Amino acid sequence: MNKKYIDDFYQRVSQNESHEVFTLSLPMLLITKNLHNVSESFFKSNYDLIHSEIDVLAALYFNNIEHSLTPTELYDATIFSSGGMTKVLNKLEDREYIKRTISKEDKRKTFVSLTKNGVSLIEDCIKNTSCRLQESFSVLSQKEQNDLKKILSKLLYSMI
């Protein structure tokens, strides 16, 4: 990102009231892209995984204590297509980070669960990512961070 571009953007947008909303959306977009790109590079170089694979592992880790979801629940949690999800699941299963098991009660139902290796990997990713994110947000005071959490939560819930 170039500071001059951002300064010019704010200056131009503030000249037209109907463009003011972009002073909210563009920073969120640029911050999201930056956080995503830094994470993608980190995950690839440290774990040889891409963001979508980490997203699946994180969804399994955070959604319940058994670290297990159905593929449909994973689609909902990660916003993937079923074809994309199958490819990700196959790679994670080949690397022994997840396992798929068929329900004993309903043979049509499959569960995707983290293996011990998967839990260990995602916990390491979470620890390292947490440190990187804390550093990124350290420019904000604790009150600003709390306010931002509330604002972002409110925006997010308004979209579902």
Protein backbone atom coordinates (compact mmCIF):
# COMPACT_ATOMS: atom_id res chain seq x y z
CA MET A 1 0.00 0.00 0.00
CA ASN A 2 1.14 3.48 -0.77
CA LYS A 3 0.49 6.24 1.78
CA LYS A 4 0.26 8.90 -0.94
CA TYR A 5 -2.50 6.96 -2.70
CA ILE A 6 -4.45 6.64 0.54
CA ASP A 7 -3.99 10.33 1.40
CA ASP A 8 -5.12 11.33 -2.10
CA PHE A 9 -8.11 9.01 -1.87
CA TYR A 10 -9.31 10.52 1.43
CA GLN A 11 -8.84 14.02 0.10
CA ARG A 12 -10.79 13.36 -3.14
CA VAL A 13 -13.59 11.37 -1.51
CA SER A 14 -14.18 13.98 1.18
CA GLN A 15 -15.00 16.51 -1.58
CA ASN A 16 -18.20 14.68 -2.51
CA GLU A 17 -20.73 13.76 0.18
CA SER A 18 -22.18 10.90 -1.85
CA HIS A 19 -18.71 9.26 -1.90
CA GLU A 20 -18.21 9.48 1.87
CA VAL A 21 -19.25 5.85 2.37
CA PHE A 22 -16.07 4.79 0.58
CA THR A 23 -14.05 6.14 3.53
CA LEU A 24 -15.58 3.21 5.43
CA SER A 25 -15.47 0.47 2.83
CA LEU A 26 -12.07 1.00 1.21
CA PRO A 27 -10.07 0.83 4.47
CA MET A 28 -11.85 -2.40 5.44
CA LEU A 29 -11.13 -3.86 2.00
CA LEU A 30 -7.45 -2.87 2.06
CA ILE A 31 -6.96 -4.11 5.63
CA THR A 32 -8.65 -7.42 4.77
CA LYS A 33 -6.53 -7.89 1.65
CA ASN A 34 -3.35 -7.09 3.53
CA LEU A 35 -4.15 -9.43 6.43
CA HIS A 36 -5.12 -12.18 3.95
CA ASN A 37 -1.98 -11.79 1.83
CA VAL A 38 0.35 -11.78 4.83
CA SER A 39 -1.41 -14.84 6.26
CA GLU A 40 -1.37 -16.68 2.92
CA SER A 41 2.38 -16.19 2.63
CA PHE A 42 2.93 -17.22 6.26
CA PHE A 43 0.82 -20.40 5.96
CA LYS A 44 2.45 -21.41 2.68
CA SER A 45 6.02 -20.88 3.84
CA ASN A 46 5.59 -22.35 7.35
CA TYR A 47 3.04 -25.15 6.82
CA ASP A 48 2.82 -25.63 3.04
CA LEU A 49 -0.91 -24.93 3.26
CA ILE A 50 -3.10 -22.31 1.64
CA HIS A 51 -5.68 -20.14 3.37
CA SER A 52 -8.65 -22.31 2.36
CA GLU A 53 -7.04 -25.35 3.97
CA ILE A 54 -6.31 -23.42 7.17
CA ASP A 55 -9.92 -22.12 7.11
CA VAL A 56 -11.24 -25.70 7.13
CA LEU A 57 -8.93 -26.73 9.97
CA ALA A 58 -9.91 -23.62 11.97
CA ALA A 59 -13.64 -24.21 11.34
CA LEU A 60 -13.30 -27.75 12.68
CA TYR A 61 -11.24 -26.58 15.65
CA PHE A 62 -13.50 -23.72 16.76
CA ASN A 63 -17.00 -25.06 16.06
CA ASN A 64 -17.25 -27.76 18.72
CA ILE A 65 -15.23 -29.68 21.28
CA GLU A 66 -15.15 -32.83 19.12
CA HIS A 67 -13.59 -30.82 16.26
CA SER A 68 -16.04 -32.53 13.92
CA LEU A 69 -18.57 -31.23 11.36
CA THR A 70 -20.44 -32.60 8.37
CA PRO A 71 -19.28 -31.40 4.94
CA THR A 72 -22.46 -29.29 4.69
CA GLU A 73 -21.68 -27.62 8.01
CA LEU A 74 -18.15 -26.97 6.74
CA TYR A 75 -19.52 -25.37 3.53
CA ASP A 76 -21.60 -23.04 5.70
CA ALA A 77 -18.73 -22.26 8.07
CA THR A 78 -16.19 -21.54 5.32
CA ILE A 79 -18.34 -20.40 2.37
CA PHE A 80 -16.81 -22.89 -0.12
CA SER A 81 -18.45 -24.66 -3.02
CA SER A 82 -18.85 -28.40 -2.61
CA GLY A 83 -16.29 -29.06 -5.37
CA GLY A 84 -13.76 -26.75 -3.76
CA MET A 85 -14.42 -28.31 -0.37
CA THR A 86 -13.84 -31.84 -1.70
CA LYS A 87 -10.45 -30.84 -3.10
CA VAL A 88 -9.42 -29.22 0.20
CA LEU A 89 -10.66 -32.19 2.26
CA ASN A 90 -8.80 -34.66 0.04
CA LYS A 91 -5.52 -32.78 0.50
CA LEU A 92 -5.98 -32.45 4.27
CA GLU A 93 -6.90 -36.13 4.56
CA ASP A 94 -3.85 -37.16 2.49
CA ARG A 95 -1.66 -35.19 4.91
CA GLU A 96 -3.44 -36.82 7.88
CA TYR A 97 -4.80 -33.58 9.36
CA ILE A 98 -8.42 -34.73 9.09
CA LYS A 99 -10.34 -37.98 8.85
CA ARG A 100 -13.78 -38.70 7.43
CA THR A 101 -16.05 -41.17 9.16
CA ILE A 102 -19.52 -42.42 8.29
CA SER A 103 -22.23 -41.99 10.91
CA LYS A 104 -23.26 -45.20 12.64
CA GLU A 105 -26.86 -43.94 12.92
CA ASP A 106 -27.22 -42.72 9.33
CA LYS A 107 -24.93 -44.29 6.71
CA ARG A 108 -25.63 -41.34 4.35
CA LYS A 109 -24.02 -38.90 6.77
CA THR A 110 -20.26 -38.29 6.93
CA PHE A 111 -18.32 -36.44 9.60
CA VAL A 112 -15.05 -34.60 9.02
CA SER A 113 -12.86 -34.47 12.13
CA LEU A 114 -9.44 -33.18 13.04
CA THR A 115 -6.80 -35.81 13.76
CA LYS A 116 -4.25 -35.32 16.54
CA ASN A 117 -1.85 -34.00 13.88
CA GLY A 118 -4.54 -31.60 12.68
CA VAL A 119 -5.24 -30.30 16.19
CA SER A 120 -1.52 -29.81 16.82
CA LEU A 121 -1.07 -28.01 13.50
CA ILE A 122 -4.04 -25.66 13.89
CA GLU A 123 -3.10 -24.83 17.48
CA ASP A 124 0.38 -23.85 16.27
CA CYS A 125 -1.17 -21.76 13.47
CA ILE A 126 -3.53 -20.07 15.93
CA LYS A 127 -0.69 -19.24 18.32
CA ASN A 128 1.50 -17.75 15.57
CA THR A 129 -1.37 -15.95 13.87
CA SER A 130 -2.54 -14.50 17.18
CA CYS A 131 0.90 -12.98 17.76
CA ARG A 132 1.00 -11.49 14.26
CA LEU A 133 -2.53 -10.06 14.58
CA GLN A 134 -1.87 -8.61 18.03
CA GLU A 135 1.08 -6.80 16.55
CA SER A 136 -1.06 -5.47 13.67
CA PHE A 137 -3.74 -4.15 16.03
CA SER A 138 -1.30 -2.78 18.62
CA VAL A 139 -1.66 0.69 17.05
CA LEU A 140 -5.11 0.79 18.67
CA SER A 141 -5.70 1.34 22.37
CA GLN A 142 -7.62 -1.34 24.28
CA LYS A 143 -10.72 0.86 24.20
CA GLU A 144 -10.39 1.35 20.43
CA GLN A 145 -9.98 -2.40 19.96
CA ASN A 146 -13.12 -3.06 22.03
CA ASP A 147 -15.05 -0.40 20.10
CA LEU A 148 -13.86 -1.86 16.79
CA LYS A 149 -14.96 -5.37 17.86
CA LYS A 150 -18.45 -4.07 18.63
CA ILE A 151 -18.70 -2.11 15.38
CA LEU A 152 -17.46 -4.96 13.21
CA SER A 153 -19.73 -7.43 14.97
CA LYS A 154 -22.72 -5.16 14.40
CA LEU A 155 -21.85 -4.80 10.69
CA LEU A 156 -21.25 -8.52 10.27
CA TYR A 157 -24.53 -9.54 11.89
CA SER A 158 -26.42 -7.01 9.77
CA MET A 159 -25.30 -8.91 6.67
CA ILE A 160 -26.74 -12.30 7.64
